[in-house]
Amino acid sequence: MASKDSQNQNPRCLPGFLPGATNPDQTSRAASSNPRKQARQQPDVPQPSSFLPTASLPPGLEYLSQLDLIIIHQQVELLGMILGTETSNKYEIKNSLGQRIYFAVEESICFNRNVCSTLRACTLRITDNSGREVITVSRPLRCNSCWCPCYLQELEIQTPPGTIVGYVAQKWDPFQPKFTIQNANKEDILKIVGPCATCGCFGDVDFEVKTVDEKLTIGKISKYWSGFVNDVFTNADNFGIHVPADLDVTLKAAMIGACFLFDIMFFEHSLAGL
């Protein structure tokens, strides 16, 4: 009786069914008539994630919906090492297998990078592997001091570019770096709490992602220790974002932006990464 009901159900009415995909009803009837063919076809059956509704996702962020670990690797700038100047940051964004899924490039004025340094205004443009810009992270020139509770750091997250989906805002605290992830209406959604000392001391530095009341930790943003030589003589940093796979992709995009902010604020100079 159960098999008969499943055959009579219209697969096109199933939630999340993608137009153009193989009709699962026809596939099941064809496979049941030939057990050997069923065994051969089993690897080709789409995984459940393939049927997730994608119409509501910002274009280019579909892949983020499947990830619970996002790795960000800053590229080494040889010109900056040789001349001793600060160059535009470039980052590779990878999955847990080390495969590049996005690439980020900083746009900023040379004068700001070398004079305003870690406080500089900049824009980071994130593109997918086809070169399409999918996320824009904008950072204005702002203060950064535990003694100045006003006009603190803030990022604006746009995805697709031109559509604001959230913000990363620094909150004043005399002891710990604290930030909130906000939606487009600047309502607090999550909090990020860093350690009292952001120097790694030859180890990883973890920023915990918590609920607004700070009672539950749902993930973390880690700055991985890259080794003594790399941290002293280069500005190249590695980060890992550990979050639930089913977290909203716009929040994941905001956490990627938060990684860039933490890198510039706390680990821009090589000795700060120790």
Protein backbone atom coordinates (compact mmCIF):
# COMPACT_ATOMS: atom_id res chain seq x y z
CA MET A 1 0.00 0.00 0.00
CA ALA A 2 2.88 2.39 0.83
CA SER A 3 4.57 1.74 -2.49
CA LYS A 4 1.33 2.35 -4.37
CA ASP A 5 0.82 5.70 -2.60
CA SER A 6 4.33 6.81 -3.38
CA GLN A 7 3.84 6.00 -7.04
CA ASN A 8 0.62 8.01 -7.22
CA GLN A 9 2.24 11.07 -5.63
CA ASN A 10 3.14 13.73 -8.17
CA PRO A 11 6.91 14.35 -7.78
CA ARG A 12 6.53 17.81 -9.31
CA CYS A 13 4.59 18.83 -6.20
CA LEU A 14 7.41 17.91 -3.85
CA PRO A 15 8.96 20.95 -2.12
CA GLY A 16 12.32 21.93 -3.52
CA PHE A 17 11.95 19.87 -6.70
CA LEU A 18 14.22 21.38 -9.32
CA PRO A 19 12.87 21.86 -12.87
CA GLY A 20 14.74 19.76 -15.36
CA ALA A 21 15.80 17.14 -12.81
CA THR A 22 15.16 13.44 -13.40
CA ASN A 23 11.63 12.35 -12.46
CA PRO A 24 12.18 10.23 -9.32
CA ASP A 25 8.92 8.34 -9.92
CA GLN A 26 10.05 7.13 -13.33
CA THR A 27 13.51 6.34 -12.03
CA SER A 28 12.16 4.18 -9.18
CA ARG A 29 9.89 2.16 -11.53
CA ALA A 30 12.68 1.60 -14.02
CA ALA A 31 15.14 0.60 -11.31
CA SER A 32 12.74 -1.84 -9.59
CA SER A 33 12.18 -3.70 -12.86
CA ASN A 34 15.90 -4.37 -13.20
CA PRO A 35 17.81 -4.98 -9.92
CA ARG A 36 21.20 -5.07 -11.66
CA LYS A 37 20.51 -1.69 -13.30
CA GLN A 38 19.42 -0.38 -9.90
CA ALA A 39 22.77 -1.31 -8.40
CA ARG A 40 24.60 0.43 -11.23
CA GLN A 41 22.47 3.57 -11.01
CA GLN A 42 22.60 3.92 -7.24
CA PRO A 43 25.68 6.27 -7.21
CA ASP A 44 23.87 8.64 -9.57
CA VAL A 45 20.92 9.23 -7.24
CA PRO A 46 21.01 12.92 -6.19
CA GLN A 47 21.79 13.61 -2.56
CA PRO A 48 19.13 15.34 -0.43
CA SER A 49 21.06 18.63 -0.58
CA SER A 50 20.55 18.65 -4.33
CA PHE A 51 16.82 19.21 -3.77
CA LEU A 52 17.19 22.19 -1.42
CA PRO A 53 15.25 25.22 -2.70
CA THR A 54 17.73 27.64 -4.23
CA ALA A 55 15.42 30.37 -5.50
CA SER A 56 15.67 32.31 -2.22
CA LEU A 57 19.48 32.14 -2.00
CA PRO A 58 21.56 35.07 -3.23
CA PRO A 59 23.14 34.15 -6.57
CA GLY A 60 26.57 32.63 -6.13
CA LEU A 61 26.06 31.58 -2.50
CA GLU A 62 24.38 28.23 -3.18
CA TYR A 63 27.58 26.37 -2.38
CA LEU A 64 27.86 27.99 1.06
CA SER A 65 24.62 26.28 2.11
CA GLN A 66 26.44 22.94 2.16
CA LEU A 67 29.52 23.97 4.18
CA ASP A 68 30.20 23.71 7.90
CA LEU A 69 33.87 24.67 7.52
CA ILE A 70 35.16 27.59 5.44
CA ILE A 71 38.92 28.08 5.14
CA ILE A 72 40.38 31.49 4.29
CA HIS A 73 44.00 31.64 3.17
CA GLN A 74 45.74 34.97 2.68
CA GLN A 75 48.16 35.04 -0.22
CA VAL A 76 51.77 36.05 0.41
CA GLU A 77 52.65 39.38 -1.25
CA LEU A 78 56.33 39.19 -2.21
CA LEU A 79 56.42 42.85 -3.26
CA GLY A 80 55.30 43.95 0.18
CA MET A 81 57.90 41.71 1.82
CA ILE A 82 60.71 43.11 -0.33
CA LEU A 83 59.74 46.79 -0.13
CA GLY A 84 58.39 46.68 3.40
CA THR A 85 55.13 48.35 2.34
CA GLU A 86 51.54 47.28 2.84
CA THR A 87 49.94 45.97 -0.35
CA SER A 88 46.32 45.10 -1.07
CA ASN A 89 45.27 41.89 0.62
CA LYS A 90 44.19 38.89 -1.41
CA TYR A 91 42.47 35.83 -0.01
CA GLU A 92 41.51 32.38 -1.25
CA ILE A 93 38.30 31.01 0.24
CA LYS A 94 38.25 27.21 0.27
CA ASN A 95 36.15 24.28 1.42
CA SER A 96 37.32 21.62 3.87
CA LEU A 97 39.04 19.72 1.04
CA GLY A 98 41.19 22.72 0.15
CA GLN A 99 39.32 23.44 -3.09
CA ARG A 100 38.98 27.13 -3.91
CA ILE A 101 35.38 28.32 -4.10
CA TYR A 102 35.86 32.11 -3.96
CA PHE A 103 38.62 34.68 -4.30
CA ALA A 104 38.71 38.03 -2.48
CA VAL A 105 40.68 41.15 -3.40
CA GLU A 106 41.01 44.30 -1.32
CA GLU A 107 40.48 47.68 -2.98
CA SER A 108 42.06 50.55 -1.06
CA ILE A 109 44.29 53.59 -1.57
CA CYS A 110 48.01 53.08 -1.07
CA PHE A 111 48.18 56.15 1.17
CA ASN A 112 45.48 54.74 3.45
CA ARG A 113 47.13 51.34 3.68
CA ASN A 114 50.48 52.77 4.77
CA VAL A 115 49.29 55.76 6.85
CA CYS A 116 45.94 54.71 8.31
CA SER A 117 47.18 51.10 8.42
CA THR A 118 44.74 48.87 10.35
CA LEU A 119 42.09 51.61 10.50
CA ARG A 120 41.96 52.16 6.74
CA ALA A 121 38.82 52.28 4.68
CA CYS A 122 38.62 49.53 2.08
CA THR A 123 36.33 47.38 -0.02
CA LEU A 124 36.76 43.65 -0.49
CA ARG A 125 35.24 42.10 -3.57
CA ILE A 126 34.59 38.38 -3.48
CA THR A 127 34.22 36.53 -6.79
CA ASP A 128 33.44 32.92 -7.61
CA ASN A 129 35.57 30.72 -9.84
CA SER A 130 33.92 32.13 -12.96
CA GLY A 131 34.92 35.70 -12.00
CA ARG A 132 31.41 36.81 -11.02
CA GLU A 133 31.29 39.10 -8.00
CA VAL A 134 28.99 37.52 -5.41
CA ILE A 135 29.81 39.40 -2.17
CA THR A 136 30.95 42.97 -1.49
CA VAL A 137 32.38 43.89 1.92
CA SER A 138 32.69 47.62 2.63
CA ARG A 139 34.68 49.02 5.55
CA PRO A 140 34.66 52.76 6.30
CA LEU A 141 37.37 54.61 8.20
CA ARG A 142 36.54 54.25 11.90
CA CYS A 143 38.11 54.16 15.37
CA ASN A 144 39.39 51.09 17.18
CA SER A 145 40.16 51.61 20.84
CA CYS A 146 38.92 50.22 24.15
CA TRP A 147 39.11 53.80 25.46
CA CYS A 148 36.82 55.21 22.75
CA PRO A 149 33.31 53.74 22.88
CA CYS A 150 32.02 55.69 19.88
CA TYR A 151 32.40 55.33 16.13
CA LEU A 152 33.79 51.80 16.36
CA GLN A 153 34.45 49.39 13.51
CA GLU A 154 31.66 48.36 11.16
CA LEU A 155 31.39 46.32 7.97
CA GLU A 156 28.59 46.37 5.41
CA ILE A 157 27.83 43.08 3.67
CA GLN A 158 26.20 43.11 0.24
CA THR A 159 25.13 40.01 -1.65
CA PRO A 160 24.51 40.27 -4.50
CA PRO A 161 26.49 43.51 -4.83
CA GLY A 162 24.16 46.44 -4.28
CA THR A 163 21.84 44.57 -1.90
CA ILE A 164 22.65 45.01 1.79
CA VAL A 165 22.03 41.82 3.77
CA GLY A 166 23.83 42.56 7.02
CA TYR A 167 26.51 44.25 9.06
CA VAL A 168 29.36 43.32 11.37
CA ALA A 169 29.57 45.92 14.14
CA GLN A 170 32.12 46.25 16.92
CA LYS A 171 30.71 46.65 20.44
CA TRP A 172 32.61 48.51 23.12
CA ASP A 173 34.18 46.35 25.80
CA PRO A 174 37.22 47.25 27.96
CA PHE A 175 38.52 43.68 28.15
CA GLN A 176 37.50 41.59 25.12
CA PRO A 177 36.95 42.25 21.43
CA LYS A 178 33.22 41.90 20.84
CA PHE A 179 31.23 42.16 17.63
CA THR A 180 27.64 41.59 16.56
CA ILE A 181 26.36 40.23 13.28
CA GLN A 182 23.27 42.19 12.28
CA ASN A 183 20.65 41.85 9.59
CA ALA A 184 19.83 44.50 7.01
CA ASN A 185 17.73 46.38 9.59
CA LYS A 186 20.69 46.44 12.02
CA GLU A 187 19.00 44.04 14.40
CA ASP A 188 21.43 41.82 16.33
CA ILE A 189 21.41 38.20 15.18
CA LEU A 190 24.65 36.71 16.57
CA LYS A 191 27.59 37.82 18.67
CA ILE A 192 31.31 37.19 18.22
CA VAL A 193 33.50 37.23 21.32
CA GLY A 194 37.28 37.16 21.04
CA PRO A 195 39.98 36.42 23.63
CA CYS A 196 41.40 39.05 25.96
CA ALA A 197 44.75 38.74 24.16
CA THR A 198 44.67 38.23 20.40
CA CYS A 199 48.34 37.26 20.16
CA GLY A 200 48.47 33.57 19.37
CA CYS A 201 51.46 32.78 21.62
CA PHE A 202 52.36 29.97 19.24
CA GLY A 203 48.81 28.69 18.99
CA ASP A 204 45.43 29.32 17.38
CA VAL A 205 43.29 32.34 18.27
CA ASP A 206 39.57 31.60 18.56
CA PHE A 207 36.67 34.04 18.24
CA GLU A 208 33.54 32.31 19.51
CA VAL A 209 30.25 32.78 17.66
CA LYS A 210 27.42 32.96 20.21
CA THR A 211 23.75 33.67 20.45
CA VAL A 212 22.75 37.24 21.29
CA ASP A 213 22.48 36.47 25.01
CA GLU A 214 25.95 34.82 24.87
CA LYS A 215 24.61 31.68 26.58
CA LEU A 216 25.15 29.30 23.66
CA THR A 217 28.17 28.93 21.38
CA ILE A 218 27.20 27.83 17.87
CA GLY A 219 30.59 28.07 16.14
CA LYS A 220 33.92 29.83 16.02
CA ILE A 221 36.26 31.78 13.79
CA SER A 222 39.84 30.62 14.27
CA LYS A 223 43.07 32.25 13.24
CA TYR A 224 45.37 29.30 12.69
CA TRP A 225 48.97 29.54 13.80
CA SER A 226 51.08 29.18 10.64
CA GLY A 227 54.46 28.64 12.26
CA PHE A 228 57.10 30.97 13.68
CA VAL A 229 58.88 31.82 10.41
CA ASN A 230 55.70 32.49 8.44
CA ASP A 231 54.12 34.63 11.17
CA VAL A 232 57.24 36.73 11.78
CA PHE A 233 58.34 37.39 8.22
CA THR A 234 55.03 37.51 6.33
CA ASN A 235 51.52 38.88 6.81
CA ALA A 236 49.89 35.76 5.32
CA ASP A 237 47.26 34.39 7.71
CA ASN A 238 44.97 31.38 7.67
CA PHE A 239 41.48 31.34 9.14
CA GLY A 240 38.81 28.72 9.65
CA ILE A 241 35.08 29.39 10.07
CA HIS A 242 33.31 26.56 11.92
CA VAL A 243 29.52 26.92 11.76
CA PRO A 244 26.44 24.68 11.45
CA ALA A 245 25.92 23.64 7.84
CA ASP A 246 22.28 24.79 7.93
CA LEU A 247 23.14 28.32 9.06
CA ASP A 248 21.74 31.05 6.80
CA VAL A 249 24.14 31.77 3.94
CA THR A 250 23.95 35.52 4.52
CA LEU A 251 25.26 34.94 8.06
CA LYS A 252 28.07 32.82 6.63
CA ALA A 253 28.87 35.66 4.22
CA ALA A 254 28.96 38.07 7.17
CA MET A 255 31.38 35.76 8.99
CA ILE A 256 33.67 35.76 5.97
CA GLY A 257 33.62 39.55 6.15
CA ALA A 258 34.33 39.35 9.90
CA CYS A 259 37.42 37.25 9.11
CA PHE A 260 38.77 40.02 6.88
CA LEU A 261 38.06 42.59 9.59
CA PHE A 262 39.86 40.53 12.26
CA ASP A 263 42.84 39.99 9.99
CA ILE A 264 43.27 43.72 9.38
CA MET A 265 42.55 44.77 12.96
CA PHE A 266 44.51 42.17 14.92
CA PHE A 267 46.92 40.31 12.61
CA GLU A 268 47.91 42.78 9.90
CA HIS A 269 51.46 43.16 11.23
CA SER A 270 53.53 40.01 11.26
CA LEU A 271 54.55 40.12 14.91
CA ALA A 272 50.91 40.36 15.96
CA GLY A 273 50.28 36.89 14.65
CA LEU A 274 52.59 35.18 17.16
